[in-house]
Amino acid sequence: MLPFYVLLMSFLLSSGIIYLLGKKIDWVLAGRISLSIMLLFTAMGHFIFISGMSKMLPGFIPAKEVVIYLTGLMEIAAAIGIHIARFRKLTGILLIVFFIMILPANIKASLENLDYKTGINDGPGLSYLWFRIPFQCLLVGWAYCFVVRKR
């Protein structure tokens, strides 16, 4: 839920700063900035909560901790890539794929009541999906609108 607040608050803040600097809001730029901030925020979790996040992955995935580190690095790369015009569209498309691919891990964590921070099965459970699934849809739409779509 925290990434949702980071996304929205950074969108409002970046919109305000862009307006103050140029007397006009560039909504697309504000959307990219806020997505970058959210990606950097969530990437931190991949380096702090490695054990708990590893438990979110399905059993058939080998080297779970390496996967967690790599996905954190991918989020950092995406946070940068969406601001480089040459890589923007490809980065946005890959982000959409990424957002879709991580949903099963979140579903697994909810089914097992896993708290990704502690790695203990005392998390919010299925009720979390009522928030997480719409949030994943929002992220897909956000990446499309502010990164992939041509203006």
C-alpha atoms as a PDB file:
ATOM      1  CA  MET A   1       0.000   0.000   0.000  1.00  0.00           C
ATOM      2  CA  LEU A   2       2.927   2.280   0.691  1.00  0.00           C
ATOM      3  CA  PRO A   3       4.060   2.250  -2.987  1.00  0.00           C
ATOM      4  CA  PHE A   4       0.596   3.556  -3.931  1.00  0.00           C
ATOM      5  CA  TYR A   5       1.010   6.511  -1.586  1.00  0.00           C
ATOM      6  CA  VAL A   6       4.555   7.125  -2.817  1.00  0.00           C
ATOM      7  CA  LEU A   7       3.285   7.151  -6.405  1.00  0.00           C
ATOM      8  CA  LEU A   8       0.427   9.564  -5.708  1.00  0.00           C
ATOM      9  CA  MET A   9       2.312  11.895  -3.380  1.00  0.00           C
ATOM     10  CA  SER A  10       5.298  12.129  -5.705  1.00  0.00           C
ATOM     11  CA  PHE A  11       2.925  12.787  -8.623  1.00  0.00           C
ATOM     12  CA  LEU A  12       1.316  15.676  -6.757  1.00  0.00           C
ATOM     13  CA  LEU A  13       4.672  17.022  -5.595  1.00  0.00           C
ATOM     14  CA  SER A  14       6.356  16.762  -8.995  1.00  0.00           C
ATOM     15  CA  SER A  15       3.310  18.346 -10.689  1.00  0.00           C
ATOM     16  CA  GLY A  16       3.540  21.263  -8.273  1.00  0.00           C
ATOM     17  CA  ILE A  17       7.267  21.719  -8.788  1.00  0.00           C
ATOM     18  CA  ILE A  18       6.908  21.538 -12.574  1.00  0.00           C
ATOM     19  CA  TYR A  19       4.170  24.181 -12.387  1.00  0.00           C
ATOM     20  CA  LEU A  20       6.261  26.450 -10.191  1.00  0.00           C
ATOM     21  CA  LEU A  21       9.210  26.175 -12.571  1.00  0.00           C
ATOM     22  CA  GLY A  22       7.314  26.600 -15.827  1.00  0.00           C
ATOM     23  CA  LYS A  23       3.839  27.956 -15.016  1.00  0.00           C
ATOM     24  CA  LYS A  24       2.420  24.945 -16.824  1.00  0.00           C
ATOM     25  CA  ILE A  25       2.053  21.354 -15.682  1.00  0.00           C
ATOM     26  CA  ASP A  26       3.638  18.673 -17.842  1.00  0.00           C
ATOM     27  CA  TRP A  27       1.464  15.757 -16.700  1.00  0.00           C
ATOM     28  CA  VAL A  28       3.478  13.203 -18.667  1.00  0.00           C
ATOM     29  CA  LEU A  29       6.753  14.287 -17.110  1.00  0.00           C
ATOM     30  CA  ALA A  30       5.144  14.322 -13.652  1.00  0.00           C
ATOM     31  CA  GLY A  31       3.830  10.807 -14.298  1.00  0.00           C
ATOM     32  CA  ARG A  32       7.270   9.548 -15.282  1.00  0.00           C
ATOM     33  CA  ILE A  33       8.969  11.228 -12.329  1.00  0.00           C
ATOM     34  CA  SER A  34       6.493   9.750  -9.861  1.00  0.00           C
ATOM     35  CA  LEU A  35       6.785   6.299 -11.424  1.00  0.00           C
ATOM     36  CA  SER A  36      10.574   6.550 -11.125  1.00  0.00           C
ATOM     37  CA  ILE A  37      10.341   7.554  -7.486  1.00  0.00           C
ATOM     38  CA  MET A  38       7.976   4.674  -6.751  1.00  0.00           C
ATOM     39  CA  LEU A  39      10.255   2.213  -8.585  1.00  0.00           C
ATOM     40  CA  LEU A  40      13.288   3.385  -6.623  1.00  0.00           C
ATOM     41  CA  PHE A  41      11.277   3.087  -3.411  1.00  0.00           C
ATOM     42  CA  THR A  42      10.135  -0.463  -4.179  1.00  0.00           C
ATOM     43  CA  ALA A  43      13.627  -1.432  -5.382  1.00  0.00           C
ATOM     44  CA  MET A  44      14.921  -0.683  -1.874  1.00  0.00           C
ATOM     45  CA  GLY A  45      12.706  -3.463  -0.562  1.00  0.00           C
ATOM     46  CA  HIS A  46      14.490  -5.925  -2.822  1.00  0.00           C
ATOM     47  CA  PHE A  47      17.709  -5.219  -0.930  1.00  0.00           C
ATOM     48  CA  ILE A  48      16.221  -4.898   2.565  1.00  0.00           C
ATOM     49  CA  PHE A  49      13.581  -7.673   2.697  1.00  0.00           C
ATOM     50  CA  ILE A  50      15.391 -10.337   0.672  1.00  0.00           C
ATOM     51  CA  SER A  51      14.379 -13.311   2.789  1.00  0.00           C
ATOM     52  CA  GLY A  52      10.684 -12.443   2.950  1.00  0.00           C
ATOM     53  CA  MET A  53      10.471 -11.500  -0.712  1.00  0.00           C
ATOM     54  CA  SER A  54      12.206 -14.748  -1.670  1.00  0.00           C
ATOM     55  CA  LYS A  55       9.351 -16.653  -0.030  1.00  0.00           C
ATOM     56  CA  MET A  56       6.909 -14.931  -2.374  1.00  0.00           C
ATOM     57  CA  LEU A  57       8.390 -16.700  -5.395  1.00  0.00           C
ATOM     58  CA  PRO A  58       7.000 -20.050  -6.585  1.00  0.00           C
ATOM     59  CA  GLY A  59       8.937 -23.156  -5.594  1.00  0.00           C
ATOM     60  CA  PHE A  60      10.104 -23.952  -9.118  1.00  0.00           C
ATOM     61  CA  ILE A  61      12.167 -20.750  -9.375  1.00  0.00           C
ATOM     62  CA  PRO A  62      15.826 -21.426  -8.520  1.00  0.00           C
ATOM     63  CA  ALA A  63      18.199 -18.982  -6.816  1.00  0.00           C
ATOM     64  CA  LYS A  64      15.347 -16.984  -5.321  1.00  0.00           C
ATOM     65  CA  GLU A  65      17.552 -14.440  -3.569  1.00  0.00           C
ATOM     66  CA  VAL A  66      19.416 -13.738  -6.804  1.00  0.00           C
ATOM     67  CA  VAL A  67      16.066 -13.192  -8.543  1.00  0.00           C
ATOM     68  CA  ILE A  68      15.062 -10.707  -5.836  1.00  0.00           C
ATOM     69  CA  TYR A  69      18.328  -8.782  -6.251  1.00  0.00           C
ATOM     70  CA  LEU A  70      17.984  -8.813 -10.055  1.00  0.00           C
ATOM     71  CA  THR A  71      14.399  -7.581  -9.992  1.00  0.00           C
ATOM     72  CA  GLY A  72      15.475  -4.767  -7.667  1.00  0.00           C
ATOM     73  CA  LEU A  73      18.203  -3.816 -10.129  1.00  0.00           C
ATOM     74  CA  MET A  74      15.660  -4.013 -12.950  1.00  0.00           C
ATOM     75  CA  GLU A  75      13.417  -1.560 -11.113  1.00  0.00           C
ATOM     76  CA  ILE A  76      16.346   0.846 -10.719  1.00  0.00           C
ATOM     77  CA  ALA A  77      17.218   0.504 -14.408  1.00  0.00           C
ATOM     78  CA  ALA A  78      13.581   1.118 -15.367  1.00  0.00           C
ATOM     79  CA  ALA A  79      13.425   4.195 -13.118  1.00  0.00           C
ATOM     80  CA  ILE A  80      16.297   5.617 -15.155  1.00  0.00           C
ATOM     81  CA  GLY A  81      15.320   4.205 -18.556  1.00  0.00           C
ATOM     82  CA  ILE A  82      11.913   5.876 -18.688  1.00  0.00           C
ATOM     83  CA  HIS A  83      13.657   9.262 -18.752  1.00  0.00           C
ATOM     84  CA  ILE A  84      15.935   8.443 -21.689  1.00  0.00           C
ATOM     85  CA  ALA A  85      14.008   9.154 -24.892  1.00  0.00           C
ATOM     86  CA  ARG A  86      15.836   6.469 -26.859  1.00  0.00           C
ATOM     87  CA  PHE A  87      14.876   3.725 -24.383  1.00  0.00           C
ATOM     88  CA  ARG A  88      11.573   5.112 -23.074  1.00  0.00           C
ATOM     89  CA  LYS A  89       9.075   3.074 -25.101  1.00  0.00           C
ATOM     90  CA  LEU A  90      10.931  -0.226 -24.714  1.00  0.00           C
ATOM     91  CA  THR A  91      11.413   0.400 -20.988  1.00  0.00           C
ATOM     92  CA  GLY A  92       7.698   1.174 -20.627  1.00  0.00           C
ATOM     93  CA  ILE A  93       6.680  -2.010 -22.439  1.00  0.00           C
ATOM     94  CA  LEU A  94       9.071  -4.085 -20.317  1.00  0.00           C
ATOM     95  CA  LEU A  95       7.695  -2.410 -17.173  1.00  0.00           C
ATOM     96  CA  ILE A  96       4.166  -3.405 -18.161  1.00  0.00           C
ATOM     97  CA  VAL A  97       5.335  -6.992 -18.637  1.00  0.00           C
ATOM     98  CA  PHE A  98       7.155  -6.811 -15.292  1.00  0.00           C
ATOM     99  CA  PHE A  99       4.062  -5.500 -13.476  1.00  0.00           C
ATOM    100  CA  ILE A 100       1.999  -8.348 -14.906  1.00  0.00           C
ATOM    101  CA  MET A 101       4.646 -10.971 -14.094  1.00  0.00           C
ATOM    102  CA  ILE A 102       4.966 -10.004 -10.415  1.00  0.00           C
ATOM    103  CA  LEU A 103       1.245 -10.335  -9.744  1.00  0.00           C
ATOM    104  CA  PRO A 104       1.433 -14.134  -9.190  1.00  0.00           C
ATOM    105  CA  ALA A 105       4.056 -13.580  -6.457  1.00  0.00           C
ATOM    106  CA  ASN A 106       1.706 -11.164  -4.728  1.00  0.00           C
ATOM    107  CA  ILE A 107      -1.178 -13.621  -5.069  1.00  0.00           C
ATOM    108  CA  LYS A 108       0.991 -16.401  -3.595  1.00  0.00           C
ATOM    109  CA  ALA A 109       1.998 -14.177  -0.675  1.00  0.00           C
ATOM    110  CA  SER A 110      -1.655 -13.330  -0.018  1.00  0.00           C
ATOM    111  CA  LEU A 111      -2.775 -16.956  -0.149  1.00  0.00           C
ATOM    112  CA  GLU A 112      -0.054 -17.865   2.342  1.00  0.00           C
ATOM    113  CA  ASN A 113      -0.623 -14.781   4.554  1.00  0.00           C
ATOM    114  CA  LEU A 114       3.051 -13.970   3.991  1.00  0.00           C
ATOM    115  CA  ASP A 115       4.432 -10.712   5.303  1.00  0.00           C
ATOM    116  CA  TYR A 116       7.214  -9.982   2.815  1.00  0.00           C
ATOM    117  CA  LYS A 117       9.034  -7.771   5.322  1.00  0.00           C
ATOM    118  CA  THR A 118       9.388 -10.427   8.009  1.00  0.00           C
ATOM    119  CA  GLY A 119       8.976 -13.611   5.975  1.00  0.00           C
ATOM    120  CA  ILE A 120       6.442 -14.825   8.570  1.00  0.00           C
ATOM    121  CA  ASN A 121       2.974 -16.053   7.691  1.00  0.00           C
ATOM    122  CA  ASP A 122       1.096 -13.380   9.623  1.00  0.00           C
ATOM    123  CA  GLY A 123       0.422 -10.975   6.748  1.00  0.00           C
ATOM    124  CA  PRO A 124      -2.890  -9.479   5.638  1.00  0.00           C
ATOM    125  CA  GLY A 125      -3.894 -12.495   3.555  1.00  0.00           C
ATOM    126  CA  LEU A 126      -6.500 -12.443   0.811  1.00  0.00           C
ATOM    127  CA  SER A 127      -7.824  -9.031   1.797  1.00  0.00           C
ATOM    128  CA  TYR A 128      -4.570  -7.599   0.441  1.00  0.00           C
ATOM    129  CA  LEU A 129      -5.555  -8.716  -3.061  1.00  0.00           C
ATOM    130  CA  TRP A 130      -8.536  -6.336  -3.021  1.00  0.00           C
ATOM    131  CA  PHE A 131      -5.926  -3.590  -3.052  1.00  0.00           C
ATOM    132  CA  ARG A 132      -3.029  -5.231  -4.899  1.00  0.00           C
ATOM    133  CA  ILE A 133      -4.826  -6.358  -8.057  1.00  0.00           C
ATOM    134  CA  PRO A 134      -6.324  -2.905  -8.784  1.00  0.00           C
ATOM    135  CA  PHE A 135      -2.944  -1.351  -7.931  1.00  0.00           C
ATOM    136  CA  GLN A 136      -1.191  -3.615 -10.449  1.00  0.00           C
ATOM    137  CA  CYS A 137      -3.772  -2.560 -13.051  1.00  0.00           C
ATOM    138  CA  LEU A 138      -3.100   1.076 -12.166  1.00  0.00           C
ATOM    139  CA  LEU A 139       0.646   0.541 -12.612  1.00  0.00           C
ATOM    140  CA  VAL A 140       0.114  -1.059 -16.022  1.00  0.00           C
ATOM    141  CA  GLY A 141      -2.103   1.839 -17.088  1.00  0.00           C
ATOM    142  CA  TRP A 142       0.289   4.395 -15.589  1.00  0.00           C
ATOM    143  CA  ALA A 143       3.255   2.939 -17.469  1.00  0.00           C
ATOM    144  CA  TYR A 144       1.257   2.910 -20.688  1.00  0.00           C
ATOM    145  CA  CYS A 145      -0.120   6.459 -20.346  1.00  0.00           C
ATOM    146  CA  PHE A 146       3.015   8.187 -19.099  1.00  0.00           C
ATOM    147  CA  VAL A 147       5.775   6.131 -20.705  1.00  0.00           C
ATOM    148  CA  VAL A 148       4.670   4.078 -23.739  1.00  0.00           C
ATOM    149  CA  ARG A 149       1.921   6.126 -25.396  1.00  0.00           C
ATOM    150  CA  LYS A 150       3.003   8.643 -28.022  1.00  0.00           C
ATOM    151  CA  ARG A 151       2.029  12.261 -27.475  1.00  0.00           C
END
